[in-house]
Amino acid sequence: MYSEKVMDHFQHPRNVGEIENASGVGTVGNAKCGDIMRMFLDIDDKTHIIKECKFKTFGCGAAVATSSMATEMVKGKTIEEAMQITNKAVMEALDGLPPVKVHCSLLAEEAIHAALWDYAEKHGIKIEGLSKPKSDISEGEEEEEY
């Protein structure tokens, strides 16, 4: 069963769309479930504050809800603060997810990191704790039962 917050973010997602000339764009997916998430960031080059964040997600309701919540969580944050947003934080902000949908929150975390990686690559900077993202988060995962 989904929480009221998950249902609200699924039925009324925030920040859907694209940012033209985005500072960073990250696309991640999970081949096992078919979800694909693309995150767009508009980052102030002087302050490193995320001014705007939008997403496009192809996937289940939980994937849409976690994308929506993740965009709300990173807006107004510095790059360093955005790096601290974990899948667990996204799940907690949504009042939880069913165990079979936890991978959706991982996608949201990875989409943020992928967009930050793109920004860092474009600007020739290194972001502490950030490593090159995988395009498929199911890579290297143990077999899960759904």
N, C-alpha and C. Protein backbone atom coordinates (compact mmCIF):
# COMPACT_ATOMS: atom_id res chain seq x y z
N MET A 1 0.85 -1.19 0.00
CA MET A 1 0.00 0.00 0.00
C MET A 1 0.89 1.25 0.00
N TYR A 2 0.47 2.25 -0.74
CA TYR A 2 1.23 3.49 -0.83
C TYR A 2 0.74 4.53 0.17
N SER A 3 1.67 5.35 0.66
CA SER A 3 1.31 6.43 1.59
C SER A 3 0.56 7.53 0.83
N GLU A 4 -0.08 8.40 1.58
CA GLU A 4 -0.78 9.54 0.97
C GLU A 4 0.19 10.43 0.21
N LYS A 5 1.39 10.60 0.74
CA LYS A 5 2.39 11.44 0.07
C LYS A 5 2.82 10.84 -1.27
N VAL A 6 3.01 9.53 -1.31
CA VAL A 6 3.37 8.87 -2.57
C VAL A 6 2.25 9.09 -3.59
N MET A 7 1.02 8.87 -3.16
CA MET A 7 -0.13 9.05 -4.06
C MET A 7 -0.24 10.50 -4.55
N ASP A 8 0.01 11.45 -3.65
CA ASP A 8 -0.06 12.86 -4.02
C ASP A 8 1.00 13.21 -5.06
N HIS A 9 2.24 12.75 -4.84
CA HIS A 9 3.32 13.05 -5.79
C HIS A 9 3.14 12.29 -7.11
N PHE A 10 2.46 11.15 -7.07
CA PHE A 10 2.17 10.42 -8.31
C PHE A 10 1.05 11.12 -9.08
N GLN A 11 -0.01 11.49 -8.39
CA GLN A 11 -1.16 12.09 -9.06
C GLN A 11 -0.94 13.56 -9.41
N HIS A 12 -0.09 14.24 -8.64
CA HIS A 12 0.20 15.67 -8.87
C HIS A 12 1.71 15.89 -8.81
N PRO A 13 2.44 15.31 -9.76
CA PRO A 13 3.90 15.42 -9.70
C PRO A 13 4.37 16.87 -9.83
N ARG A 14 5.39 17.20 -9.07
CA ARG A 14 6.00 18.52 -9.11
C ARG A 14 7.18 18.51 -10.06
N ASN A 15 7.39 19.63 -10.73
CA ASN A 15 8.61 19.87 -11.54
C ASN A 15 8.77 18.91 -12.72
N VAL A 16 7.67 18.56 -13.37
CA VAL A 16 7.75 17.71 -14.55
C VAL A 16 8.20 18.56 -15.73
N GLY A 17 9.07 18.01 -16.55
CA GLY A 17 9.47 18.71 -17.77
C GLY A 17 10.97 18.71 -17.95
N GLU A 18 11.41 19.60 -18.83
CA GLU A 18 12.83 19.72 -19.15
C GLU A 18 13.27 21.15 -18.88
N ILE A 19 14.56 21.32 -18.67
CA ILE A 19 15.15 22.64 -18.57
C ILE A 19 16.01 22.82 -19.82
N GLU A 20 15.67 23.84 -20.61
CA GLU A 20 16.46 24.12 -21.80
C GLU A 20 17.84 24.59 -21.36
N ASN A 21 18.86 24.13 -22.03
CA ASN A 21 20.24 24.48 -21.69
C ASN A 21 20.55 24.22 -20.21
N ALA A 22 20.15 23.07 -19.73
CA ALA A 22 20.37 22.70 -18.33
C ALA A 22 21.86 22.65 -18.01
N SER A 23 22.19 22.99 -16.77
CA SER A 23 23.58 22.92 -16.30
C SER A 23 24.06 21.48 -16.26
N GLY A 24 23.14 20.58 -15.90
CA GLY A 24 23.46 19.16 -15.82
C GLY A 24 22.23 18.33 -16.10
N VAL A 25 22.41 17.25 -16.86
CA VAL A 25 21.32 16.33 -17.17
C VAL A 25 21.81 14.91 -16.89
N GLY A 26 21.00 14.16 -16.15
CA GLY A 26 21.38 12.79 -15.84
C GLY A 26 20.24 11.85 -16.17
N THR A 27 20.58 10.75 -16.85
CA THR A 27 19.58 9.74 -17.18
C THR A 27 20.03 8.41 -16.61
N VAL A 28 19.13 7.79 -15.85
CA VAL A 28 19.41 6.47 -15.29
C VAL A 28 18.19 5.58 -15.49
N GLY A 29 18.43 4.29 -15.43
CA GLY A 29 17.33 3.35 -15.59
C GLY A 29 17.59 2.08 -14.85
N ASN A 30 16.58 1.24 -14.82
CA ASN A 30 16.70 -0.07 -14.22
C ASN A 30 16.11 -1.06 -15.22
N ALA A 31 16.99 -1.82 -15.88
CA ALA A 31 16.55 -2.74 -16.93
C ALA A 31 15.59 -3.80 -16.42
N LYS A 32 15.72 -4.15 -15.14
CA LYS A 32 14.86 -5.20 -14.58
C LYS A 32 13.40 -4.77 -14.50
N CYS A 33 13.16 -3.50 -14.17
CA CYS A 33 11.76 -3.06 -14.01
C CYS A 33 11.32 -2.15 -15.15
N GLY A 34 12.26 -1.65 -15.95
CA GLY A 34 11.91 -0.82 -17.10
C GLY A 34 11.77 0.66 -16.80
N ASP A 35 12.02 1.09 -15.56
CA ASP A 35 11.91 2.51 -15.22
C ASP A 35 13.11 3.28 -15.78
N ILE A 36 12.83 4.49 -16.28
CA ILE A 36 13.88 5.39 -16.76
C ILE A 36 13.59 6.77 -16.21
N MET A 37 14.61 7.39 -15.65
CA MET A 37 14.48 8.71 -15.03
C MET A 37 15.50 9.65 -15.64
N ARG A 38 15.05 10.85 -16.01
CA ARG A 38 15.98 11.88 -16.49
C ARG A 38 15.78 13.11 -15.63
N MET A 39 16.88 13.60 -15.05
CA MET A 39 16.85 14.75 -14.15
C MET A 39 17.61 15.90 -14.81
N PHE A 40 17.02 17.10 -14.73
CA PHE A 40 17.61 18.32 -15.29
C PHE A 40 17.87 19.29 -14.15
N LEU A 41 19.08 19.84 -14.09
CA LEU A 41 19.45 20.80 -13.05
C LEU A 41 19.88 22.12 -13.67
N ASP A 42 19.45 23.22 -13.06
CA ASP A 42 19.94 24.55 -13.40
C ASP A 42 20.69 25.03 -12.17
N ILE A 43 22.02 25.11 -12.29
CA ILE A 43 22.89 25.41 -11.14
C ILE A 43 23.57 26.76 -11.35
N ASP A 44 23.53 27.60 -10.33
CA ASP A 44 24.24 28.88 -10.36
C ASP A 44 25.74 28.60 -10.30
N ASP A 45 26.48 29.05 -11.31
CA ASP A 45 27.91 28.74 -11.39
C ASP A 45 28.74 29.39 -10.29
N LYS A 46 28.28 30.50 -9.74
CA LYS A 46 29.04 31.19 -8.69
C LYS A 46 28.78 30.58 -7.31
N THR A 47 27.50 30.36 -6.98
CA THR A 47 27.15 29.88 -5.64
C THR A 47 27.01 28.37 -5.55
N HIS A 48 26.91 27.70 -6.73
CA HIS A 48 26.68 26.25 -6.82
C HIS A 48 25.35 25.85 -6.17
N ILE A 49 24.38 26.77 -6.18
CA ILE A 49 23.04 26.48 -5.68
C ILE A 49 22.17 26.03 -6.84
N ILE A 50 21.40 24.98 -6.60
CA ILE A 50 20.50 24.45 -7.62
C ILE A 50 19.25 25.33 -7.65
N LYS A 51 19.15 26.12 -8.73
CA LYS A 51 18.05 27.09 -8.85
C LYS A 51 16.76 26.41 -9.31
N GLU A 52 16.91 25.40 -10.15
CA GLU A 52 15.73 24.74 -10.72
C GLU A 52 16.06 23.27 -10.94
N CYS A 53 15.05 22.44 -10.83
CA CYS A 53 15.22 21.01 -11.05
C CYS A 53 13.92 20.48 -11.65
N LYS A 54 14.04 19.77 -12.77
CA LYS A 54 12.88 19.16 -13.42
C LYS A 54 13.21 17.71 -13.75
N PHE A 55 12.17 16.93 -14.05
CA PHE A 55 12.38 15.53 -14.37
C PHE A 55 11.41 15.05 -15.43
N LYS A 56 11.82 13.99 -16.09
CA LYS A 56 10.96 13.21 -16.97
C LYS A 56 11.19 11.76 -16.59
N THR A 57 10.13 11.05 -16.28
CA THR A 57 10.25 9.66 -15.85
C THR A 57 9.28 8.79 -16.62
N PHE A 58 9.80 7.67 -17.08
CA PHE A 58 8.98 6.62 -17.68
C PHE A 58 9.02 5.47 -16.69
N GLY A 59 7.88 5.21 -16.08
CA GLY A 59 7.88 4.13 -15.11
C GLY A 59 6.60 4.09 -14.31
N CYS A 60 6.66 3.35 -13.24
CA CYS A 60 5.49 3.13 -12.38
C CYS A 60 5.20 4.37 -11.52
N GLY A 61 4.12 4.31 -10.78
CA GLY A 61 3.73 5.41 -9.92
C GLY A 61 4.78 5.76 -8.89
N ALA A 62 5.44 4.74 -8.33
CA ALA A 62 6.49 4.99 -7.34
C ALA A 62 7.69 5.70 -7.98
N ALA A 63 8.00 5.38 -9.22
CA ALA A 63 9.11 6.05 -9.92
C ALA A 63 8.78 7.53 -10.14
N VAL A 64 7.55 7.81 -10.52
CA VAL A 64 7.12 9.20 -10.71
C VAL A 64 7.16 9.94 -9.37
N ALA A 65 6.63 9.31 -8.32
CA ALA A 65 6.58 9.95 -6.99
C ALA A 65 7.99 10.22 -6.45
N THR A 66 8.90 9.28 -6.60
CA THR A 66 10.26 9.49 -6.08
C THR A 66 10.98 10.57 -6.89
N SER A 67 10.75 10.62 -8.19
CA SER A 67 11.34 11.68 -9.03
C SER A 67 10.84 13.03 -8.57
N SER A 68 9.52 13.14 -8.39
CA SER A 68 8.89 14.39 -7.97
C SER A 68 9.45 14.85 -6.63
N MET A 69 9.50 13.95 -5.66
CA MET A 69 10.01 14.30 -4.33
C MET A 69 11.48 14.69 -4.40
N ALA A 70 12.28 13.97 -5.18
CA ALA A 70 13.71 14.27 -5.28
C ALA A 70 13.93 15.68 -5.83
N THR A 71 13.14 16.09 -6.83
CA THR A 71 13.30 17.44 -7.38
C THR A 71 12.98 18.49 -6.33
N GLU A 72 11.96 18.23 -5.51
CA GLU A 72 11.60 19.15 -4.44
C GLU A 72 12.72 19.25 -3.41
N MET A 73 13.38 18.13 -3.16
CA MET A 73 14.42 18.08 -2.13
C MET A 73 15.71 18.77 -2.55
N VAL A 74 16.04 18.80 -3.85
CA VAL A 74 17.31 19.39 -4.28
C VAL A 74 17.21 20.88 -4.60
N LYS A 75 16.02 21.35 -4.92
CA LYS A 75 15.87 22.77 -5.26
C LYS A 75 16.29 23.65 -4.09
N GLY A 76 17.13 24.64 -4.40
CA GLY A 76 17.59 25.56 -3.37
C GLY A 76 18.80 25.07 -2.58
N LYS A 77 19.23 23.84 -2.85
CA LYS A 77 20.38 23.27 -2.14
C LYS A 77 21.67 23.55 -2.92
N THR A 78 22.79 23.52 -2.19
CA THR A 78 24.08 23.59 -2.87
C THR A 78 24.37 22.20 -3.44
N ILE A 79 25.38 22.13 -4.29
CA ILE A 79 25.79 20.84 -4.84
C ILE A 79 26.14 19.87 -3.70
N GLU A 80 26.87 20.36 -2.72
CA GLU A 80 27.29 19.52 -1.59
C GLU A 80 26.08 18.99 -0.82
N GLU A 81 25.08 19.86 -0.61
CA GLU A 81 23.86 19.44 0.09
C GLU A 81 23.08 18.43 -0.74
N ALA A 82 23.04 18.63 -2.05
CA ALA A 82 22.32 17.70 -2.94
C ALA A 82 22.98 16.33 -2.92
N MET A 83 24.30 16.31 -2.75
CA MET A 83 25.03 15.03 -2.68
C MET A 83 24.62 14.22 -1.46
N GLN A 84 24.11 14.88 -0.44
CA GLN A 84 23.72 14.19 0.81
C GLN A 84 22.33 13.55 0.73
N ILE A 85 21.58 13.84 -0.34
CA ILE A 85 20.23 13.29 -0.46
C ILE A 85 20.33 11.83 -0.90
N THR A 86 19.88 10.96 -0.03
CA THR A 86 19.97 9.52 -0.29
C THR A 86 18.61 8.96 -0.67
N ASN A 87 18.62 7.75 -1.16
CA ASN A 87 17.35 7.09 -1.47
C ASN A 87 16.52 6.94 -0.19
N LYS A 88 17.19 6.72 0.92
CA LYS A 88 16.49 6.58 2.20
C LYS A 88 15.78 7.89 2.57
N ALA A 89 16.45 9.02 2.34
CA ALA A 89 15.86 10.33 2.63
C ALA A 89 14.63 10.57 1.74
N VAL A 90 14.72 10.16 0.48
CA VAL A 90 13.58 10.30 -0.44
C VAL A 90 12.41 9.45 0.05
N MET A 91 12.71 8.20 0.44
CA MET A 91 11.65 7.31 0.96
C MET A 91 11.02 7.89 2.22
N GLU A 92 11.85 8.40 3.13
CA GLU A 92 11.33 8.97 4.37
C GLU A 92 10.44 10.18 4.08
N ALA A 93 10.85 11.01 3.13
CA ALA A 93 10.07 12.19 2.77
C ALA A 93 8.70 11.80 2.20
N LEU A 94 8.63 10.62 1.61
CA LEU A 94 7.37 10.11 1.05
C LEU A 94 6.60 9.24 2.05
N ASP A 95 7.07 9.18 3.28
CA ASP A 95 6.47 8.32 4.31
C ASP A 95 6.54 6.84 3.95
N GLY A 96 7.62 6.46 3.27
CA GLY A 96 7.88 5.05 2.99
C GLY A 96 7.42 4.57 1.63
N LEU A 97 8.00 3.45 1.23
CA LEU A 97 7.64 2.76 -0.02
C LEU A 97 7.54 1.27 0.29
N PRO A 98 6.71 0.55 -0.46
CA PRO A 98 6.70 -0.90 -0.30
C PRO A 98 8.08 -1.47 -0.66
N PRO A 99 8.51 -2.55 -0.01
CA PRO A 99 9.84 -3.11 -0.28
C PRO A 99 10.14 -3.34 -1.76
N VAL A 100 9.17 -3.76 -2.54
CA VAL A 100 9.42 -4.03 -3.97
C VAL A 100 9.60 -2.75 -4.78
N LYS A 101 9.39 -1.59 -4.16
CA LYS A 101 9.53 -0.31 -4.86
C LYS A 101 10.71 0.52 -4.38
N VAL A 102 11.52 -0.03 -3.49
CA VAL A 102 12.69 0.69 -2.97
C VAL A 102 13.63 1.08 -4.11
N HIS A 103 13.72 0.24 -5.15
CA HIS A 103 14.62 0.54 -6.27
C HIS A 103 14.27 1.87 -6.94
N CYS A 104 13.02 2.31 -6.85
CA CYS A 104 12.61 3.59 -7.43
C CYS A 104 13.30 4.75 -6.71
N SER A 105 13.45 4.64 -5.40
CA SER A 105 14.14 5.69 -4.66
C SER A 105 15.63 5.69 -4.98
N LEU A 106 16.18 4.52 -5.26
CA LEU A 106 17.58 4.43 -5.70
C LEU A 106 17.76 5.14 -7.04
N LEU A 107 16.80 4.96 -7.93
CA LEU A 107 16.85 5.64 -9.23
C LEU A 107 16.88 7.15 -9.03
N ALA A 108 16.05 7.66 -8.12
CA ALA A 108 16.00 9.10 -7.86
C ALA A 108 17.35 9.61 -7.37
N GLU A 109 17.95 8.91 -6.42
CA GLU A 109 19.28 9.30 -5.92
C GLU A 109 20.31 9.27 -7.05
N GLU A 110 20.29 8.21 -7.84
CA GLU A 110 21.25 8.08 -8.94
C GLU A 110 21.02 9.13 -10.03
N ALA A 111 19.78 9.52 -10.27
CA ALA A 111 19.48 10.55 -11.28
C ALA A 111 20.07 11.89 -10.85
N ILE A 112 19.95 12.21 -9.56
CA ILE A 112 20.56 13.44 -9.03
C ILE A 112 22.07 13.38 -9.26
N HIS A 113 22.68 12.27 -8.88
CA HIS A 113 24.14 12.12 -9.03
C HIS A 113 24.56 12.17 -10.50
N ALA A 114 23.78 11.57 -11.38
CA ALA A 114 24.12 11.58 -12.81
C ALA A 114 24.07 13.00 -13.37
N ALA A 115 23.07 13.79 -12.94
CA ALA A 115 22.97 15.18 -13.39
C ALA A 115 24.13 16.01 -12.83
N LEU A 116 24.50 15.77 -11.58
CA LEU A 116 25.64 16.46 -10.98
C LEU A 116 26.95 16.07 -11.68
N TRP A 117 27.07 14.80 -12.05
CA TRP A 117 28.25 14.33 -12.77
C TRP A 117 28.37 15.06 -14.11
N ASP A 118 27.23 15.18 -14.82
CA ASP A 118 27.21 15.89 -16.09
C ASP A 118 27.65 17.35 -15.90
N TYR A 119 27.15 17.99 -14.86
CA TYR A 119 27.54 19.38 -14.55
C TYR A 119 29.05 19.46 -14.30
N ALA A 120 29.56 18.56 -13.47
CA ALA A 120 30.98 18.55 -13.14
C ALA A 120 31.84 18.35 -14.39
N GLU A 121 31.41 17.42 -15.25
CA GLU A 121 32.15 17.16 -16.50
C GLU A 121 32.18 18.40 -17.40
N LYS A 122 31.03 19.07 -17.52
CA LYS A 122 30.93 20.26 -18.38
C LYS A 122 31.79 21.41 -17.86
N HIS A 123 31.96 21.48 -16.53
CA HIS A 123 32.67 22.59 -15.92
C HIS A 123 34.09 22.23 -15.46
N GLY A 124 34.50 21.00 -15.71
CA GLY A 124 35.85 20.58 -15.35
C GLY A 124 36.12 20.65 -13.87
N ILE A 125 35.11 20.31 -13.05
CA ILE A 125 35.29 20.33 -11.60
C ILE A 125 35.12 18.93 -11.04
N LYS A 126 35.61 18.75 -9.82
CA LYS A 126 35.42 17.48 -9.12
C LYS A 126 34.48 17.74 -7.95
N ILE A 127 33.48 16.90 -7.82
CA ILE A 127 32.54 17.01 -6.70
C ILE A 127 32.88 15.88 -5.73
N GLU A 128 33.21 16.27 -4.51
CA GLU A 128 33.61 15.31 -3.47
C GLU A 128 32.55 14.22 -3.29
N GLY A 129 33.00 12.96 -3.37
CA GLY A 129 32.11 11.83 -3.13
C GLY A 129 31.32 11.38 -4.35
N LEU A 130 31.49 12.06 -5.48
CA LEU A 130 30.73 11.72 -6.69
C LEU A 130 31.55 10.84 -7.61
N SER A 131 30.98 9.72 -8.02
CA SER A 131 31.66 8.85 -8.97
C SER A 131 30.79 8.72 -10.22
N LYS A 132 31.42 8.28 -11.29
CA LYS A 132 30.71 8.17 -12.57
C LYS A 132 29.48 7.27 -12.40
N PRO A 133 28.32 7.77 -12.81
CA PRO A 133 27.10 6.97 -12.62
C PRO A 133 26.99 5.82 -13.60
N LYS A 134 26.26 4.80 -13.18
CA LYS A 134 25.93 3.69 -14.07
C LYS A 134 24.66 4.08 -14.82
N SER A 135 24.56 3.68 -16.07
CA SER A 135 23.34 4.00 -16.81
C SER A 135 22.21 3.08 -16.39
N ASP A 136 22.56 1.90 -15.85
CA ASP A 136 21.54 0.95 -15.40
C ASP A 136 21.85 0.58 -13.96
N ILE A 137 20.97 0.98 -13.04
CA ILE A 137 21.26 0.74 -11.62
C ILE A 137 21.16 -0.73 -11.24
N SER A 138 20.63 -1.56 -12.13
CA SER A 138 20.57 -2.99 -11.79
C SER A 138 21.91 -3.67 -12.05
N GLU A 139 22.87 -2.97 -12.68
CA GLU A 139 24.21 -3.53 -12.90
C GLU A 139 24.85 -3.85 -11.56
N GLY A 140 25.34 -5.05 -11.42
CA GLY A 140 26.07 -5.42 -10.22
C GLY A 140 25.16 -5.71 -9.03
N GLU A 141 23.85 -5.62 -9.23
CA GLU A 141 22.92 -5.92 -8.14
C GLU A 141 22.75 -7.42 -8.02
N GLU A 142 22.49 -7.87 -6.82
CA GLU A 142 22.11 -9.27 -6.65
C GLU A 142 20.71 -9.45 -7.21
N GLU A 143 20.40 -10.66 -7.59
CA GLU A 143 19.05 -10.93 -8.08
C GLU A 143 18.04 -10.62 -6.99
N GLU A 144 17.04 -9.84 -7.35
CA GLU A 144 15.99 -9.51 -6.41
C GLU A 144 14.71 -10.24 -6.79
N GLU A 145 13.92 -10.54 -5.80
CA GLU A 145 12.63 -11.14 -6.08
C GLU A 145 11.58 -10.05 -5.93
N TYR A 146 10.74 -9.94 -6.93
CA TYR A 146 9.67 -8.93 -6.91
C TYR A 146 8.34 -9.56 -6.65
